[in-house]
Amino acid sequence: MDEQKLSFEEAYKQLTDLVKKMESGDLPLADAVAAYEQGIKLKAYCEQLLKEAELKIETLKVTPAQA
């Protein structure tokens, strides 16, 4: 799966679904490790999107004051 093509909402939903599966305790060890690895990638991607959104908001807040 290519996280870079997901919206924030899609990535966050996948992340929460993975967490629920892992918390259930029903995954075999290999699947749990794979889910954990995928979760780390999704978490980083979500954080990246949030930082980008925060920078855009900060830019919009600063730009009108300078004009």
PDB file of N, CA and C in Angstrom:
ATOM      1  N   MET A   1       0.836  -1.186   0.000  1.00  0.00           N
ATOM      2  CA  MET A   1       0.000   0.000   0.000  1.00  0.00           C
ATOM      3  C   MET A   1       0.876   1.242   0.000  1.00  0.00           C
ATOM      4  N   ASP A   2       0.463   2.252  -0.724  1.00  0.00           N
ATOM      5  CA  ASP A   2       1.202   3.504  -0.808  1.00  0.00           C
ATOM      6  C   ASP A   2       0.479   4.549   0.038  1.00  0.00           C
ATOM      7  N   GLU A   3       1.008   4.814   1.230  1.00  0.00           N
ATOM      8  CA  GLU A   3       0.377   5.773   2.125  1.00  0.00           C
ATOM      9  C   GLU A   3       0.270   7.154   1.492  1.00  0.00           C
ATOM     10  N   GLN A   4       1.225   7.485   0.629  1.00  0.00           N
ATOM     11  CA  GLN A   4       1.280   8.826   0.060  1.00  0.00           C
ATOM     12  C   GLN A   4       0.067   9.180  -0.798  1.00  0.00           C
ATOM     13  N   LYS A   5      -0.754   8.208  -1.139  1.00  0.00           N
ATOM     14  CA  LYS A   5      -1.934   8.475  -1.965  1.00  0.00           C
ATOM     15  C   LYS A   5      -3.212   8.532  -1.130  1.00  0.00           C
ATOM     16  N   LEU A   6      -3.086   8.348   0.174  1.00  0.00           N
ATOM     17  CA  LEU A   6      -4.246   8.358   1.045  1.00  0.00           C
ATOM     18  C   LEU A   6      -4.519   9.763   1.569  1.00  0.00           C
ATOM     19  N   SER A   7      -5.791  10.061   1.796  1.00  0.00           N
ATOM     20  CA  SER A   7      -6.115  11.289   2.504  1.00  0.00           C
ATOM     21  C   SER A   7      -5.810  11.062   3.980  1.00  0.00           C
ATOM     22  N   PHE A   8      -5.794  12.130   4.739  1.00  0.00           N
ATOM     23  CA  PHE A   8      -5.557  11.988   6.176  1.00  0.00           C
ATOM     24  C   PHE A   8      -6.611  11.077   6.796  1.00  0.00           C
ATOM     25  N   GLU A   9      -7.856  11.299   6.407  1.00  0.00           N
ATOM     26  CA  GLU A   9      -8.952  10.519   6.984  1.00  0.00           C
ATOM     27  C   GLU A   9      -8.823   9.031   6.675  1.00  0.00           C
ATOM     28  N   GLU A  10      -8.433   8.712   5.451  1.00  0.00           N
ATOM     29  CA  GLU A  10      -8.257   7.306   5.072  1.00  0.00           C
ATOM     30  C   GLU A  10      -7.106   6.666   5.851  1.00  0.00           C
ATOM     31  N   ALA A  11      -6.001   7.382   5.941  1.00  0.00           N
ATOM     32  CA  ALA A  11      -4.835   6.860   6.657  1.00  0.00           C
ATOM     33  C   ALA A  11      -5.148   6.689   8.141  1.00  0.00           C
ATOM     34  N   TYR A  12      -5.851   7.654   8.716  1.00  0.00           N
ATOM     35  CA  TYR A  12      -6.190   7.576  10.134  1.00  0.00           C
ATOM     36  C   TYR A  12      -7.139   6.417  10.411  1.00  0.00           C
ATOM     37  N   LYS A  13      -8.085   6.200   9.526  1.00  0.00           N
ATOM     38  CA  LYS A  13      -9.009   5.070   9.690  1.00  0.00           C
ATOM     39  C   LYS A  13      -8.252   3.749   9.622  1.00  0.00           C
ATOM     40  N   GLN A  14      -7.353   3.621   8.655  1.00  0.00           N
ATOM     41  CA  GLN A  14      -6.556   2.400   8.558  1.00  0.00           C
ATOM     42  C   GLN A  14      -5.728   2.195   9.826  1.00  0.00           C
ATOM     43  N   LEU A  15      -5.175   3.276  10.343  1.00  0.00           N
ATOM     44  CA  LEU A  15      -4.373   3.187  11.557  1.00  0.00           C
ATOM     45  C   LEU A  15      -5.226   2.732  12.740  1.00  0.00           C
ATOM     46  N   THR A  16      -6.393   3.320  12.904  1.00  0.00           N
ATOM     47  CA  THR A  16      -7.241   2.914  14.022  1.00  0.00           C
ATOM     48  C   THR A  16      -7.734   1.480  13.860  1.00  0.00           C
ATOM     49  N   ASP A  17      -7.998   1.055  12.630  1.00  0.00           N
ATOM     50  CA  ASP A  17      -8.401  -0.341  12.393  1.00  0.00           C
ATOM     51  C   ASP A  17      -7.273  -1.309  12.771  1.00  0.00           C
ATOM     52  N   LEU A  18      -6.033  -0.943  12.417  1.00  0.00           N
ATOM     53  CA  LEU A  18      -4.887  -1.779  12.779  1.00  0.00           C
ATOM     54  C   LEU A  18      -4.739  -1.884  14.297  1.00  0.00           C
ATOM     55  N   VAL A  19      -4.920  -0.758  14.970  1.00  0.00           N
ATOM     56  CA  VAL A  19      -4.795  -0.758  16.424  1.00  0.00           C
ATOM     57  C   VAL A  19      -5.851  -1.676  17.044  1.00  0.00           C
ATOM     58  N   LYS A  20      -7.080  -1.592  16.548  1.00  0.00           N
ATOM     59  CA  LYS A  20      -8.152  -2.459  17.068  1.00  0.00           C
ATOM     60  C   LYS A  20      -7.817  -3.936  16.864  1.00  0.00           C
ATOM     61  N   LYS A  21      -7.306  -4.267  15.677  1.00  0.00           N
ATOM     62  CA  LYS A  21      -6.934  -5.660  15.399  1.00  0.00           C
ATOM     63  C   LYS A  21      -5.832  -6.131  16.342  1.00  0.00           C
ATOM     64  N   MET A  22      -4.841  -5.265  16.554  1.00  0.00           N
ATOM     65  CA  MET A  22      -3.729  -5.645  17.422  1.00  0.00           C
ATOM     66  C   MET A  22      -4.184  -5.766  18.870  1.00  0.00           C
ATOM     67  N   GLU A  23      -5.067  -4.879  19.295  1.00  0.00           N
ATOM     68  CA  GLU A  23      -5.550  -4.923  20.670  1.00  0.00           C
ATOM     69  C   GLU A  23      -6.431  -6.141  20.932  1.00  0.00           C
ATOM     70  N   SER A  24      -7.031  -6.686  19.893  1.00  0.00           N
ATOM     71  CA  SER A  24      -7.901  -7.843  20.065  1.00  0.00           C
ATOM     72  C   SER A  24      -7.114  -9.065  20.529  1.00  0.00           C
ATOM     73  N   GLY A  25      -5.824  -9.106  20.170  1.00  0.00           N
ATOM     74  CA  GLY A  25      -4.991 -10.233  20.553  1.00  0.00           C
ATOM     75  C   GLY A  25      -5.202 -11.465  19.697  1.00  0.00           C
ATOM     76  N   ASP A  26      -5.974 -11.332  18.624  1.00  0.00           N
ATOM     77  CA  ASP A  26      -6.281 -12.478  17.771  1.00  0.00           C
ATOM     78  C   ASP A  26      -5.306 -12.663  16.610  1.00  0.00           C
ATOM     79  N   LEU A  27      -4.402 -11.708  16.414  1.00  0.00           N
ATOM     80  CA  LEU A  27      -3.467 -11.807  15.290  1.00  0.00           C
ATOM     81  C   LEU A  27      -2.309 -12.725  15.638  1.00  0.00           C
ATOM     82  N   PRO A  28      -1.923 -13.576  14.705  1.00  0.00           N
ATOM     83  CA  PRO A  28      -0.688 -14.346  14.901  1.00  0.00           C
ATOM     84  C   PRO A  28       0.493 -13.377  14.994  1.00  0.00           C
ATOM     85  N   LEU A  29       1.557 -13.807  15.602  1.00  0.00           N
ATOM     86  CA  LEU A  29       2.706 -12.935  15.846  1.00  0.00           C
ATOM     87  C   LEU A  29       3.213 -12.259  14.572  1.00  0.00           C
ATOM     88  N   ALA A  30       3.383 -13.023  13.508  1.00  0.00           N
ATOM     89  CA  ALA A  30       3.905 -12.445  12.253  1.00  0.00           C
ATOM     90  C   ALA A  30       2.957 -11.363  11.728  1.00  0.00           C
ATOM     91  N   ASP A  31       1.667 -11.595  11.816  1.00  0.00           N
ATOM     92  CA  ASP A  31       0.691 -10.600  11.362  1.00  0.00           C
ATOM     93  C   ASP A  31       0.698  -9.375  12.268  1.00  0.00           C
ATOM     94  N   ALA A  32       0.875  -9.597  13.572  1.00  0.00           N
ATOM     95  CA  ALA A  32       0.924  -8.482  14.513  1.00  0.00           C
ATOM     96  C   ALA A  32       2.144  -7.606  14.245  1.00  0.00           C
ATOM     97  N   VAL A  33       3.275  -8.231  13.949  1.00  0.00           N
ATOM     98  CA  VAL A  33       4.488  -7.471  13.638  1.00  0.00           C
ATOM     99  C   VAL A  33       4.293  -6.677  12.345  1.00  0.00           C
ATOM    100  N   ALA A  34       3.702  -7.303  11.333  1.00  0.00           N
ATOM    101  CA  ALA A  34       3.439  -6.608  10.066  1.00  0.00           C
ATOM    102  C   ALA A  34       2.465  -5.444  10.291  1.00  0.00           C
ATOM    103  N   ALA A  35       1.451  -5.662  11.115  1.00  0.00           N
ATOM    104  CA  ALA A  35       0.490  -4.602  11.413  1.00  0.00           C
ATOM    105  C   ALA A  35       1.177  -3.455  12.149  1.00  0.00           C
ATOM    106  N   TYR A  36       2.068  -3.797  13.065  1.00  0.00           N
ATOM    107  CA  TYR A  36       2.814  -2.775  13.803  1.00  0.00           C
ATOM    108  C   TYR A  36       3.667  -1.940  12.849  1.00  0.00           C
ATOM    109  N   GLU A  37       4.362  -2.601  11.947  1.00  0.00           N
ATOM    110  CA  GLU A  37       5.201  -1.894  10.970  1.00  0.00           C
ATOM    111  C   GLU A  37       4.355  -0.969  10.102  1.00  0.00           C
ATOM    112  N   GLN A  38       3.220  -1.459   9.651  1.00  0.00           N
ATOM    113  CA  GLN A  38       2.321  -0.637   8.828  1.00  0.00           C
ATOM    114  C   GLN A  38       1.775   0.525   9.655  1.00  0.00           C
ATOM    115  N   GLY A  39       1.471   0.265  10.901  1.00  0.00           N
ATOM    116  CA  GLY A  39       0.974   1.316  11.784  1.00  0.00           C
ATOM    117  C   GLY A  39       1.980   2.428  11.981  1.00  0.00           C
ATOM    118  N   ILE A  40       3.257   2.069  12.115  1.00  0.00           N
ATOM    119  CA  ILE A  40       4.310   3.083  12.252  1.00  0.00           C
ATOM    120  C   ILE A  40       4.351   3.977  11.013  1.00  0.00           C
ATOM    121  N   LYS A  41       4.239   3.370   9.840  1.00  0.00           N
ATOM    122  CA  LYS A  41       4.246   4.145   8.591  1.00  0.00           C
ATOM    123  C   LYS A  41       3.030   5.068   8.518  1.00  0.00           C
ATOM    124  N   LEU A  42       1.865   4.537   8.858  1.00  0.00           N
ATOM    125  CA  LEU A  42       0.645   5.345   8.815  1.00  0.00           C
ATOM    126  C   LEU A  42       0.699   6.489   9.817  1.00  0.00           C
ATOM    127  N   LYS A  43       1.226   6.224  11.003  1.00  0.00           N
ATOM    128  CA  LYS A  43       1.354   7.267  12.022  1.00  0.00           C
ATOM    129  C   LYS A  43       2.262   8.391  11.524  1.00  0.00           C
ATOM    130  N   ALA A  44       3.382   8.035  10.958  1.00  0.00           N
ATOM    131  CA  ALA A  44       4.317   9.042  10.441  1.00  0.00           C
ATOM    132  C   ALA A  44       3.666   9.851   9.321  1.00  0.00           C
ATOM    133  N   TYR A  45       2.931   9.181   8.460  1.00  0.00           N
ATOM    134  CA  TYR A  45       2.256   9.861   7.353  1.00  0.00           C
ATOM    135  C   TYR A  45       1.204  10.833   7.885  1.00  0.00           C
ATOM    136  N   CYS A  46       0.409  10.398   8.860  1.00  0.00           N
ATOM    137  CA  CYS A  46      -0.603  11.273   9.443  1.00  0.00           C
ATOM    138  C   CYS A  46       0.052  12.492  10.101  1.00  0.00           C
ATOM    139  N   GLU A  47       1.149  12.264  10.810  1.00  0.00           N
ATOM    140  CA  GLU A  47       1.864  13.374  11.435  1.00  0.00           C
ATOM    141  C   GLU A  47       2.387  14.353  10.393  1.00  0.00           C
ATOM    142  N   GLN A  48       2.884  13.827   9.279  1.00  0.00           N
ATOM    143  CA  GLN A  48       3.385  14.683   8.199  1.00  0.00           C
ATOM    144  C   GLN A  48       2.258  15.552   7.642  1.00  0.00           C
ATOM    145  N   LEU A  49       1.104  14.945   7.390  1.00  0.00           N
ATOM    146  CA  LEU A  49      -0.029  15.704   6.861  1.00  0.00           C
ATOM    147  C   LEU A  49      -0.496  16.769   7.845  1.00  0.00           C
ATOM    148  N   LEU A  50      -0.506  16.447   9.133  1.00  0.00           N
ATOM    149  CA  LEU A  50      -0.913  17.425  10.137  1.00  0.00           C
ATOM    150  C   LEU A  50       0.076  18.585  10.214  1.00  0.00           C
ATOM    151  N   LYS A  51       1.366  18.299  10.122  1.00  0.00           N
ATOM    152  CA  LYS A  51       2.368  19.364  10.141  1.00  0.00           C
ATOM    153  C   LYS A  51       2.218  20.272   8.928  1.00  0.00           C
ATOM    154  N   GLU A  52       1.956  19.669   7.770  1.00  0.00           N
ATOM    155  CA  GLU A  52       1.761  20.467   6.558  1.00  0.00           C
ATOM    156  C   GLU A  52       0.539  21.359   6.689  1.00  0.00           C
ATOM    157  N   ALA A  53      -0.533  20.830   7.250  1.00  0.00           N
ATOM    158  CA  ALA A  53      -1.745  21.619   7.442  1.00  0.00           C
ATOM    159  C   ALA A  53      -1.489  22.757   8.432  1.00  0.00           C
ATOM    160  N   GLU A  54      -0.750  22.466   9.490  1.00  0.00           N
ATOM    161  CA  GLU A  54      -0.427  23.490  10.477  1.00  0.00           C
ATOM    162  C   GLU A  54       0.396  24.612   9.849  1.00  0.00           C
ATOM    163  N   LEU A  55       1.372  24.254   9.001  1.00  0.00           N
ATOM    164  CA  LEU A  55       2.182  25.270   8.328  1.00  0.00           C
ATOM    165  C   LEU A  55       1.339  26.134   7.401  1.00  0.00           C
ATOM    166  N   LYS A  56       0.398  25.527   6.700  1.00  0.00           N
ATOM    167  CA  LYS A  56      -0.493  26.287   5.815  1.00  0.00           C
ATOM    168  C   LYS A  56      -1.334  27.274   6.622  1.00  0.00           C
ATOM    169  N   ILE A  57      -1.840  26.808   7.759  1.00  0.00           N
ATOM    170  CA  ILE A  57      -2.661  27.682   8.604  1.00  0.00           C
ATOM    171  C   ILE A  57      -1.830  28.841   9.129  1.00  0.00           C
ATOM    172  N   GLU A  58      -0.622  28.538   9.588  1.00  0.00           N
ATOM    173  CA  GLU A  58       0.256  29.595  10.085  1.00  0.00           C
ATOM    174  C   GLU A  58       0.580  30.605   8.980  1.00  0.00           C
ATOM    175  N   THR A  59       0.808  30.112   7.776  1.00  0.00           N
ATOM    176  CA  THR A  59       1.091  30.996   6.647  1.00  0.00           C
ATOM    177  C   THR A  59      -0.106  31.889   6.352  1.00  0.00           C
ATOM    178  N   LEU A  60      -1.291  31.304   6.376  1.00  0.00           N
ATOM    179  CA  LEU A  60      -2.501  32.099   6.132  1.00  0.00           C
ATOM    180  C   LEU A  60      -2.731  33.145   7.224  1.00  0.00           C
ATOM    181  N   LYS A  61      -2.375  32.825   8.452  1.00  0.00           N
ATOM    182  CA  LYS A  61      -2.548  33.775   9.538  1.00  0.00           C
ATOM    183  C   LYS A  61      -1.559  34.924   9.419  1.00  0.00           C
ATOM    184  N   VAL A  62      -0.361  34.667   8.911  1.00  0.00           N
ATOM    185  CA  VAL A  62       0.678  35.677   8.819  1.00  0.00           C
ATOM    186  C   VAL A  62       0.500  36.532   7.559  1.00  0.00           C
ATOM    187  N   THR A  63       0.154  35.925   6.468  1.00  0.00           N
ATOM    188  CA  THR A  63       0.077  36.614   5.174  1.00  0.00           C
ATOM    189  C   THR A  63      -0.847  37.828   5.182  1.00  0.00           C
ATOM    190  N   PRO A  64      -2.086  37.756   5.672  1.00  0.00           N
ATOM    191  CA  PRO A  64      -2.947  38.937   5.652  1.00  0.00           C
ATOM    192  C   PRO A  64      -2.384  40.092   6.468  1.00  0.00           C
ATOM    193  N   ALA A  65      -1.677  39.836   7.545  1.00  0.00           N
ATOM    194  CA  ALA A  65      -1.125  40.887   8.379  1.00  0.00           C
ATOM    195  C   ALA A  65      -0.020  41.649   7.665  1.00  0.00           C
ATOM    196  N   GLN A  66       0.680  40.962   6.751  1.00  0.00           N
ATOM    197  CA  GLN A  66       1.771  41.592   6.023  1.00  0.00           C
ATOM    198  C   GLN A  66       1.273  42.396   4.832  1.00  0.00           C
ATOM    199  N   ALA A  67       0.084  42.138   4.377  1.00  0.00           N
ATOM    200  CA  ALA A  67      -0.409  42.792   3.157  1.00  0.00           C
ATOM    201  C   ALA A  67      -0.839  44.195   3.364  1.00  0.00           C
TER     202      ALA A  67
END
